[in-house]
Amino acid sequence: RLPIVAGTSFTFVPILINIGLKAGGGEDAYYTIMASIIVGGLVSSFLALFYKYWGKIIKPIVPAIVVLAVGLSLLSSGANQFLGGTAIISNVILTGETGTGVSYYLYIIVAFVTIIVTITWGLIFKGFLKNINIIVGIIVGYLVALAIPGMIDFSSLKIDIGNLVGPSGIFAFPQFLDFSKLKFDVSSCVLTSVVFIVSMVEVIGGTTASSEVGLNRMPTSREFGGAIFTNSLLSTFGALFGTLPLTTYAQNTGIVAQSKVINRFTIFIGGLLLVIISFFPPIANFFYTIPDAVIGGTMVILFGSIVVVGIKSVGEAGFSDKNVLILTISLSLGFGLSIATIAVGSDTYQTIGLFKTLGVSWLSDLLSSSVFNMFIVSLILSWALPDNMYIKFIHHKNNKNDNE
């Protein structure tokens, strides 16, 4: 019953990519990933039932750092989209051309137009109009891209007149997976379940932030458990249709903070609208025509806002000597480990890949996630370090009125 919106989570992306590569790619990889999500969601749902017991081990600084970790892990994605998207960037690096016939500098112009309009709109207007600055930025950016021949690909909007009901028509029903093809690989299920546990802490952080900015209070133990259970069970349910795992959206916290809209009926209507749209492929396909440069012009703001929410959450947990040290090591070791690279000859490799060479590829898969790393480091240090980081020596002088 909290003002929380859930959606597919970036937290799982590094692990799921590695699981897919390990499974050999293609259909086998797809069904291995979906099987691991089904199992991981059930494991997380079961654990959520007992939150009031194990939730006590999660100190306030831990979910705050996890929210910060999620934001940091998304910054590169937002930057890549802002620069045109991975496909465009790859083509330019390899061939010097975008591959679309459009000059690369035009993608940068579109991205800058989008972010400038988004920021300017938010500065000029107040209230409701201020809160739709992201939408306005996307619309203006899209119109600019539309004016540039070749920048927008409309091929996905083609409708098969002979099959109006189906993925290529105008109406389609959700389709279940082919359950006979699911591949329940033990190591993959374990890895995904571990990331679900990390995601539970992310849910705690997102639930706390949304409740504090919207309701001016901390969630109850029942609400924490309910939020985790809902996200986990819906992740399993969604996987039956081929959907990736869900988590609370940190962007939602920013929207709640700006608009102060926490009415459940309003949020329900928004969710219902998305459900209705999902039955009409042309509408969904239309959103896919939005260039990455336009999305990037707004995502750099939203992804950056997640980092800011994480920083604010850390501040609310308190900048004690202990928390500062936990944050310091979580950033330098937890986040640093996931982005560290090393040049070997003319090639660059992730340093964490050395564990694959040592025969423990599963460890490399886990440590490739900055969210997982920062969660583990912060959780261990929150219990290993004393609350009072420095011993206070008290010297009693002879004069009882002059104590130090």
Protein backbone atom coordinates (compact mmCIF):
# COMPACT_ATOMS: atom_id res chain seq x y z
CA ARG A 1 0.00 0.00 0.00
CA LEU A 2 2.97 2.32 -0.43
CA PRO A 3 3.54 4.85 -3.25
CA ILE A 4 6.04 2.60 -5.02
CA VAL A 5 6.41 1.75 -8.70
CA ALA A 6 8.32 -1.37 -9.72
CA GLY A 7 9.98 -2.16 -13.00
CA THR A 8 12.66 -4.32 -14.59
CA SER A 9 15.92 -4.00 -12.72
CA PHE A 10 19.38 -3.10 -14.04
CA THR A 11 20.85 -4.80 -10.95
CA PHE A 12 20.50 -8.21 -12.61
CA VAL A 13 21.95 -7.28 -16.00
CA PRO A 14 25.65 -8.14 -15.44
CA ILE A 15 24.88 -11.54 -13.92
CA LEU A 16 22.22 -12.45 -16.50
CA ILE A 17 24.59 -11.51 -19.35
CA ASN A 18 27.26 -13.77 -17.89
CA ILE A 19 24.76 -16.59 -17.41
CA GLY A 20 23.69 -16.21 -21.03
CA LEU A 21 27.27 -16.31 -22.28
CA LYS A 22 28.02 -19.34 -20.14
CA ALA A 23 24.97 -21.11 -21.59
CA GLY A 24 26.28 -20.52 -25.11
CA GLY A 25 23.90 -17.76 -26.19
CA GLY A 26 20.75 -18.11 -28.26
CA GLU A 27 17.64 -19.92 -27.12
CA ASP A 28 19.46 -22.08 -24.55
CA ALA A 29 20.77 -18.94 -22.85
CA TYR A 30 17.31 -17.36 -22.85
CA TYR A 31 15.62 -20.32 -21.17
CA THR A 32 18.49 -20.74 -18.70
CA ILE A 33 18.11 -17.10 -17.67
CA MET A 34 14.32 -17.36 -17.32
CA ALA A 35 14.59 -20.55 -15.24
CA SER A 36 17.07 -18.89 -12.90
CA ILE A 37 14.71 -15.89 -12.47
CA ILE A 38 11.78 -18.16 -11.63
CA VAL A 39 13.81 -19.92 -8.94
CA GLY A 40 15.43 -16.73 -7.62
CA GLY A 41 12.07 -15.00 -7.29
CA LEU A 42 10.62 -17.90 -5.32
CA VAL A 43 13.64 -18.00 -3.00
CA SER A 44 13.36 -14.26 -2.40
CA SER A 45 9.59 -14.51 -1.82
CA PHE A 46 10.13 -17.19 0.79
CA LEU A 47 12.77 -15.13 2.59
CA ALA A 48 10.49 -12.08 2.53
CA LEU A 49 7.99 -13.92 4.74
CA PHE A 50 10.54 -13.88 7.54
CA TYR A 51 11.73 -10.30 7.12
CA LYS A 52 10.88 -9.34 10.70
CA TYR A 53 13.56 -11.79 11.86
CA TRP A 54 16.44 -11.28 9.40
CA GLY A 55 15.66 -7.64 8.61
CA LYS A 56 17.34 -6.65 11.87
CA ILE A 57 20.78 -7.46 10.44
CA ILE A 58 20.39 -4.77 7.74
CA LYS A 59 21.61 -1.55 9.31
CA PRO A 60 20.39 1.77 7.79
CA ILE A 61 23.70 2.52 6.06
CA VAL A 62 23.52 -0.69 3.97
CA PRO A 63 20.35 -0.01 1.89
CA ALA A 64 21.48 3.61 1.49
CA ILE A 65 24.76 2.43 -0.05
CA VAL A 66 22.90 -0.09 -2.24
CA VAL A 67 20.72 2.70 -3.70
CA LEU A 68 23.90 4.70 -4.34
CA ALA A 69 25.47 1.62 -5.98
CA VAL A 70 22.50 1.20 -8.32
CA GLY A 71 22.81 4.83 -9.41
CA LEU A 72 26.56 4.54 -9.98
CA SER A 73 26.10 1.36 -12.01
CA LEU A 74 23.67 3.16 -14.33
CA LEU A 75 25.80 6.22 -15.06
CA SER A 76 27.70 4.55 -17.89
CA SER A 77 24.43 3.41 -19.51
CA GLY A 78 23.07 6.94 -19.44
CA ALA A 79 26.33 8.33 -20.85
CA ASN A 80 26.35 5.77 -23.69
CA GLN A 81 22.78 6.63 -24.61
CA PHE A 82 23.59 10.34 -24.48
CA LEU A 83 26.42 9.74 -26.96
CA GLY A 84 24.09 8.00 -29.40
CA GLY A 85 23.77 4.48 -28.04
CA THR A 86 26.08 1.47 -28.08
CA ALA A 87 25.29 0.54 -31.70
CA ILE A 88 26.09 4.01 -33.04
CA ILE A 89 29.21 4.35 -30.87
CA SER A 90 30.51 0.93 -31.94
CA ASN A 91 30.03 1.76 -35.63
CA VAL A 92 31.82 5.09 -35.27
CA ILE A 93 34.77 3.50 -33.43
CA LEU A 94 35.12 0.65 -35.93
CA THR A 95 34.31 2.40 -39.22
CA GLY A 96 34.16 6.13 -38.54
CA GLU A 97 30.52 6.12 -39.65
CA THR A 98 27.27 5.80 -37.72
CA GLY A 99 25.86 3.12 -40.02
CA THR A 100 22.61 5.06 -40.44
CA GLY A 101 23.79 7.63 -42.97
CA VAL A 102 23.39 10.39 -40.38
CA SER A 103 26.42 12.42 -39.29
CA TYR A 104 27.46 11.57 -35.75
CA TYR A 105 27.52 15.18 -34.54
CA LEU A 106 23.76 15.38 -35.18
CA TYR A 107 23.15 12.72 -32.52
CA ILE A 108 25.11 14.81 -30.03
CA ILE A 109 23.08 17.90 -30.96
CA VAL A 110 19.82 16.01 -30.40
CA ALA A 111 21.03 14.80 -26.99
CA PHE A 112 22.00 18.32 -25.93
CA VAL A 113 18.71 19.78 -27.17
CA THR A 114 16.83 17.19 -25.12
CA ILE A 115 18.69 17.81 -21.88
CA ILE A 116 18.64 21.61 -22.28
CA VAL A 117 14.86 21.63 -22.87
CA THR A 118 14.32 19.28 -19.93
CA ILE A 119 16.32 21.46 -17.54
CA THR A 120 14.97 24.77 -18.85
CA TRP A 121 11.35 23.63 -18.65
CA GLY A 122 11.85 22.55 -15.04
CA LEU A 123 13.36 25.93 -14.18
CA ILE A 124 10.66 28.05 -15.84
CA PHE A 125 7.48 26.31 -14.70
CA LYS A 126 6.11 25.23 -11.33
CA GLY A 127 3.70 22.61 -10.05
CA PHE A 128 2.30 20.12 -12.53
CA LEU A 129 4.05 21.68 -15.54
CA LYS A 130 7.41 21.48 -13.77
CA ASN A 131 6.89 17.78 -13.07
CA ILE A 132 6.45 16.88 -16.76
CA ASN A 133 9.80 18.33 -17.82
CA ILE A 134 11.14 14.85 -18.69
CA ILE A 135 8.19 14.18 -21.01
CA VAL A 136 8.54 17.61 -22.65
CA GLY A 137 12.27 17.03 -23.16
CA ILE A 138 11.62 13.69 -24.87
CA ILE A 139 8.90 15.17 -27.11
CA VAL A 140 11.08 18.09 -28.24
CA GLY A 141 14.10 15.83 -28.71
CA TYR A 142 11.99 13.40 -30.76
CA LEU A 143 10.65 16.20 -32.98
CA VAL A 144 14.21 17.43 -33.63
CA ALA A 145 15.31 13.87 -34.48
CA LEU A 146 12.25 13.53 -36.73
CA ALA A 147 13.42 16.55 -38.71
CA ILE A 148 16.72 14.79 -39.46
CA PRO A 149 16.26 12.26 -42.32
CA GLY A 150 17.33 8.74 -41.38
CA MET A 151 17.70 9.28 -37.64
CA ILE A 152 14.43 7.56 -36.72
CA ASP A 153 13.78 4.00 -37.89
CA PHE A 154 10.06 3.33 -38.44
CA SER A 155 10.50 -0.25 -39.69
CA SER A 156 9.20 -1.69 -36.40
CA LEU A 157 5.83 0.02 -36.96
CA LYS A 158 4.92 -2.14 -39.95
CA ILE A 159 1.64 -4.00 -39.41
CA ASP A 160 0.82 -7.36 -40.95
CA ILE A 161 -2.65 -6.73 -42.40
CA GLY A 162 -3.24 -10.48 -42.75
CA ASN A 163 -2.56 -11.11 -39.05
CA LEU A 164 -4.02 -8.25 -37.08
CA VAL A 165 -4.00 -10.32 -33.88
CA GLY A 166 -0.43 -11.14 -32.89
CA PRO A 167 2.99 -9.52 -32.34
CA SER A 168 3.02 -8.06 -35.85
CA GLY A 169 -0.63 -6.94 -35.76
CA ILE A 170 -2.51 -4.29 -33.82
CA PHE A 171 -3.57 -6.48 -30.88
CA ALA A 172 -1.70 -9.19 -29.01
CA PHE A 173 -2.07 -11.26 -25.87
CA PRO A 174 0.80 -11.98 -23.49
CA GLN A 175 2.33 -15.36 -24.28
CA PHE A 176 3.66 -17.92 -21.84
CA LEU A 177 7.13 -19.35 -22.25
CA ASP A 178 7.60 -22.83 -23.66
CA PHE A 179 8.04 -24.43 -20.24
CA SER A 180 9.46 -27.61 -21.78
CA LYS A 181 12.55 -25.61 -22.84
CA LEU A 182 13.37 -24.18 -19.41
CA LYS A 183 16.89 -25.14 -18.31
CA PHE A 184 17.37 -25.21 -14.54
CA ASP A 185 21.13 -24.91 -14.21
CA VAL A 186 22.10 -25.11 -10.52
CA SER A 187 24.94 -22.56 -10.62
CA SER A 188 22.83 -20.09 -12.63
CA CYS A 189 19.91 -20.41 -10.21
CA VAL A 190 22.23 -19.87 -7.24
CA LEU A 191 23.84 -16.78 -8.82
CA THR A 192 20.47 -15.22 -9.67
CA SER A 193 19.13 -16.02 -6.18
CA VAL A 194 22.12 -14.22 -4.64
CA VAL A 195 21.40 -11.14 -6.78
CA PHE A 196 17.75 -11.35 -5.69
CA ILE A 197 19.00 -11.09 -2.10
CA VAL A 198 20.97 -7.99 -3.09
CA SER A 199 17.84 -6.67 -4.79
CA MET A 200 15.91 -7.17 -1.54
CA VAL A 201 18.21 -4.65 0.09
CA GLU A 202 17.64 -2.34 -2.89
CA VAL A 203 13.90 -2.68 -2.28
CA ILE A 204 14.46 -1.78 1.38
CA GLY A 205 16.38 1.31 0.30
CA GLY A 206 13.80 2.34 -2.31
CA THR A 207 10.90 1.70 0.06
CA THR A 208 12.56 3.75 2.78
CA ALA A 209 13.32 6.67 0.45
CA SER A 210 9.82 6.74 -1.08
CA SER A 211 8.13 6.56 2.31
CA GLU A 212 10.29 9.25 3.84
CA VAL A 213 9.80 11.77 1.02
CA GLY A 214 6.12 10.92 0.49
CA LEU A 215 4.81 10.01 3.93
CA ASN A 216 7.46 11.55 6.21
CA ARG A 217 7.93 8.28 8.07
CA MET A 218 9.84 5.00 7.97
CA PRO A 219 8.02 1.93 6.62
CA THR A 220 6.92 -0.70 9.10
CA SER A 221 8.41 -4.19 9.22
CA ARG A 222 5.24 -5.52 7.59
CA GLU A 223 5.54 -2.98 4.77
CA PHE A 224 9.19 -3.86 4.15
CA GLY A 225 8.34 -7.57 3.99
CA GLY A 226 5.33 -6.89 1.77
CA ALA A 227 7.36 -4.79 -0.67
CA ILE A 228 10.05 -7.48 -0.97
CA PHE A 229 7.47 -10.27 -1.31
CA THR A 230 5.54 -8.38 -3.99
CA ASN A 231 8.62 -7.60 -6.06
CA SER A 232 9.95 -11.14 -5.76
CA LEU A 233 6.71 -12.99 -6.53
CA LEU A 234 5.91 -10.71 -9.47
CA SER A 235 9.43 -11.35 -10.79
CA THR A 236 8.67 -15.07 -10.88
CA PHE A 237 5.23 -14.45 -12.38
CA GLY A 238 6.66 -12.12 -15.00
CA ALA A 239 9.37 -14.62 -15.92
CA LEU A 240 6.62 -17.02 -17.00
CA PHE A 241 5.97 -14.50 -19.79
CA GLY A 242 9.64 -13.78 -20.47
CA THR A 243 10.00 -10.66 -18.30
CA LEU A 244 13.20 -9.74 -16.46
CA PRO A 245 13.25 -9.32 -12.63
CA LEU A 246 11.57 -6.35 -10.98
CA THR A 247 12.63 -3.95 -8.28
CA THR A 248 11.45 -0.63 -6.85
CA TYR A 249 12.28 2.23 -9.21
CA ALA A 250 14.53 4.83 -7.63
CA GLN A 251 13.29 7.31 -10.26
CA ASN A 252 9.89 6.98 -8.61
CA THR A 253 11.36 8.39 -5.42
CA GLY A 254 12.38 11.53 -7.28
CA ILE A 255 8.92 11.88 -8.81
CA VAL A 256 7.24 11.44 -5.43
CA ALA A 257 9.60 14.02 -3.93
CA GLN A 258 8.75 16.54 -6.67
CA SER A 259 5.03 15.99 -7.01
CA LYS A 260 4.11 14.71 -3.52
CA VAL A 261 1.57 12.48 -5.28
CA ILE A 262 1.25 9.36 -3.11
CA ASN A 263 -2.40 8.51 -3.80
CA ARG A 264 -2.70 4.76 -4.49
CA PHE A 265 -5.60 5.28 -6.90
CA THR A 266 -3.48 7.62 -9.03
CA ILE A 267 -0.61 5.13 -9.15
CA PHE A 268 -3.06 2.32 -9.94
CA ILE A 269 -4.43 4.26 -12.92
CA GLY A 270 -0.89 4.78 -14.20
CA GLY A 271 -0.16 1.06 -13.91
CA LEU A 272 -3.48 0.14 -15.52
CA LEU A 273 -2.67 2.42 -18.47
CA LEU A 274 0.60 0.54 -19.02
CA VAL A 275 -1.22 -2.79 -18.89
CA ILE A 276 -3.75 -1.63 -21.50
CA ILE A 277 -0.99 -0.31 -23.77
CA SER A 278 0.82 -3.65 -23.58
CA PHE A 279 -2.02 -5.29 -25.54
CA PHE A 280 -1.33 -3.04 -28.54
CA PRO A 281 2.09 -3.76 -30.16
CA PRO A 282 2.11 -0.64 -32.40
CA ILE A 283 2.03 1.61 -29.32
CA ALA A 284 4.91 -0.26 -27.67
CA ASN A 285 6.83 -0.33 -30.96
CA PHE A 286 6.40 3.42 -31.32
CA PHE A 287 8.39 3.97 -28.13
CA TYR A 288 11.19 1.87 -29.62
CA THR A 289 11.54 4.43 -32.40
CA ILE A 290 12.79 7.03 -29.92
CA PRO A 291 16.56 7.39 -30.61
CA ASP A 292 18.99 6.57 -27.82
CA ALA A 293 20.31 10.14 -28.00
CA VAL A 294 16.86 11.43 -26.97
CA ILE A 295 16.49 8.89 -24.17
CA GLY A 296 20.05 9.62 -23.06
CA GLY A 297 19.29 13.33 -22.83
CA THR A 298 16.82 12.53 -20.03
CA MET A 299 18.36 9.37 -18.57
CA VAL A 300 21.53 11.18 -17.53
CA ILE A 301 19.26 13.26 -15.29
CA LEU A 302 17.22 10.34 -13.94
CA PHE A 303 20.21 8.05 -13.40
CA GLY A 304 22.10 10.88 -11.78
CA SER A 305 19.10 11.50 -9.52
CA ILE A 306 19.40 7.93 -8.23
CA VAL A 307 22.97 8.70 -7.16
CA VAL A 308 21.73 11.84 -5.41
CA VAL A 309 18.96 9.88 -3.67
CA GLY A 310 21.61 7.41 -2.51
CA ILE A 311 23.81 10.22 -1.18
CA LYS A 312 20.83 11.73 0.66
CA SER A 313 19.99 8.31 2.11
CA VAL A 314 23.58 7.94 3.33
CA GLY A 315 23.29 11.40 4.89
CA GLU A 316 20.09 10.40 6.66
CA ALA A 317 21.85 7.29 8.00
CA GLY A 318 24.42 9.72 9.43
CA PHE A 319 27.97 10.69 8.55
CA SER A 320 29.46 9.12 11.64
CA ASP A 321 33.11 8.03 11.53
CA LYS A 322 31.92 4.45 11.09
CA ASN A 323 29.51 5.22 8.24
CA VAL A 324 32.08 7.37 6.45
CA LEU A 325 34.61 4.52 6.57
CA ILE A 326 31.98 2.03 5.34
CA LEU A 327 31.09 4.35 2.46
CA THR A 328 34.76 4.94 1.65
CA ILE A 329 35.66 1.25 1.43
CA SER A 330 32.40 0.36 -0.34
CA LEU A 331 33.22 2.88 -3.07
CA SER A 332 36.94 2.18 -3.40
CA LEU A 333 36.77 -1.60 -3.13
CA GLY A 334 33.18 -2.50 -3.94
CA PHE A 335 32.63 -0.12 -6.87
CA GLY A 336 36.29 0.13 -7.87
CA LEU A 337 36.61 -3.64 -8.22
CA SER A 338 33.79 -3.79 -10.76
CA ILE A 339 35.21 -1.07 -13.03
CA ALA A 340 38.93 -1.87 -12.76
CA THR A 341 40.53 -2.70 -16.11
CA ILE A 342 44.01 -3.73 -17.21
CA ALA A 343 45.75 -3.37 -20.57
CA VAL A 344 47.30 -6.58 -21.89
CA GLY A 345 49.04 -5.82 -25.16
CA SER A 346 46.64 -3.95 -27.39
CA ASP A 347 43.53 -5.24 -25.60
CA THR A 348 41.81 -4.09 -22.42
CA TYR A 349 40.25 -6.54 -19.97
CA GLN A 350 38.23 -6.30 -16.78
CA THR A 351 40.57 -7.04 -13.91
CA ILE A 352 37.88 -9.14 -12.27
CA GLY A 353 38.13 -11.52 -15.24
CA LEU A 354 41.26 -13.04 -13.71
CA PHE A 355 39.03 -15.30 -11.60
CA LYS A 356 37.83 -16.98 -14.80
CA THR A 357 41.44 -17.78 -15.63
CA LEU A 358 41.84 -19.22 -12.13
CA GLY A 359 38.87 -21.54 -12.74
CA VAL A 360 36.28 -19.78 -10.55
CA SER A 361 34.21 -18.03 -13.19
CA TRP A 362 31.19 -17.87 -10.86
CA LEU A 363 33.14 -15.56 -8.58
CA SER A 364 34.02 -13.35 -11.53
CA ASP A 365 30.33 -13.22 -12.46
CA LEU A 366 29.31 -12.15 -8.96
CA LEU A 367 32.04 -9.56 -8.48
CA SER A 368 31.29 -7.96 -11.85
CA SER A 369 28.23 -6.37 -10.23
CA SER A 370 29.10 -3.17 -8.36
CA VAL A 371 25.74 -3.40 -6.55
CA PHE A 372 26.61 -6.84 -5.16
CA ASN A 373 30.13 -5.76 -4.21
CA MET A 374 29.03 -2.63 -2.38
CA PHE A 375 26.25 -4.54 -0.60
CA ILE A 376 28.61 -7.24 0.69
CA VAL A 377 31.31 -4.77 1.76
CA SER A 378 28.85 -2.46 3.53
CA LEU A 379 27.01 -5.34 5.23
CA ILE A 380 30.19 -6.91 6.59
CA LEU A 381 31.67 -3.61 7.75
CA SER A 382 28.40 -2.50 9.37
CA TRP A 383 28.84 -5.37 11.82
CA ALA A 384 32.63 -5.72 11.89
CA LEU A 385 33.37 -2.10 12.81
CA PRO A 386 32.54 -0.77 16.27
CA ASP A 387 29.87 1.90 16.50
CA ASN A 388 32.32 4.12 18.37
CA MET A 389 35.29 4.20 16.00
CA TYR A 390 37.66 5.94 18.43
CA ILE A 391 38.43 5.13 22.08
CA LYS A 392 37.99 8.10 24.33
CA PHE A 393 40.58 8.42 27.07
CA ILE A 394 39.32 10.24 30.14
CA HIS A 395 41.89 11.62 32.57
CA HIS A 396 40.59 12.49 35.99
CA LYS A 397 42.52 15.27 37.62
CA ASN A 398 42.74 15.77 41.34
CA ASN A 399 40.49 18.77 41.13
CA LYS A 400 37.00 17.33 40.84
CA ASN A 401 35.82 20.57 39.21
CA ASP A 402 38.38 20.26 36.41
CA ASN A 403 37.64 16.93 34.76
CA GLU A 404 38.60 16.09 31.17
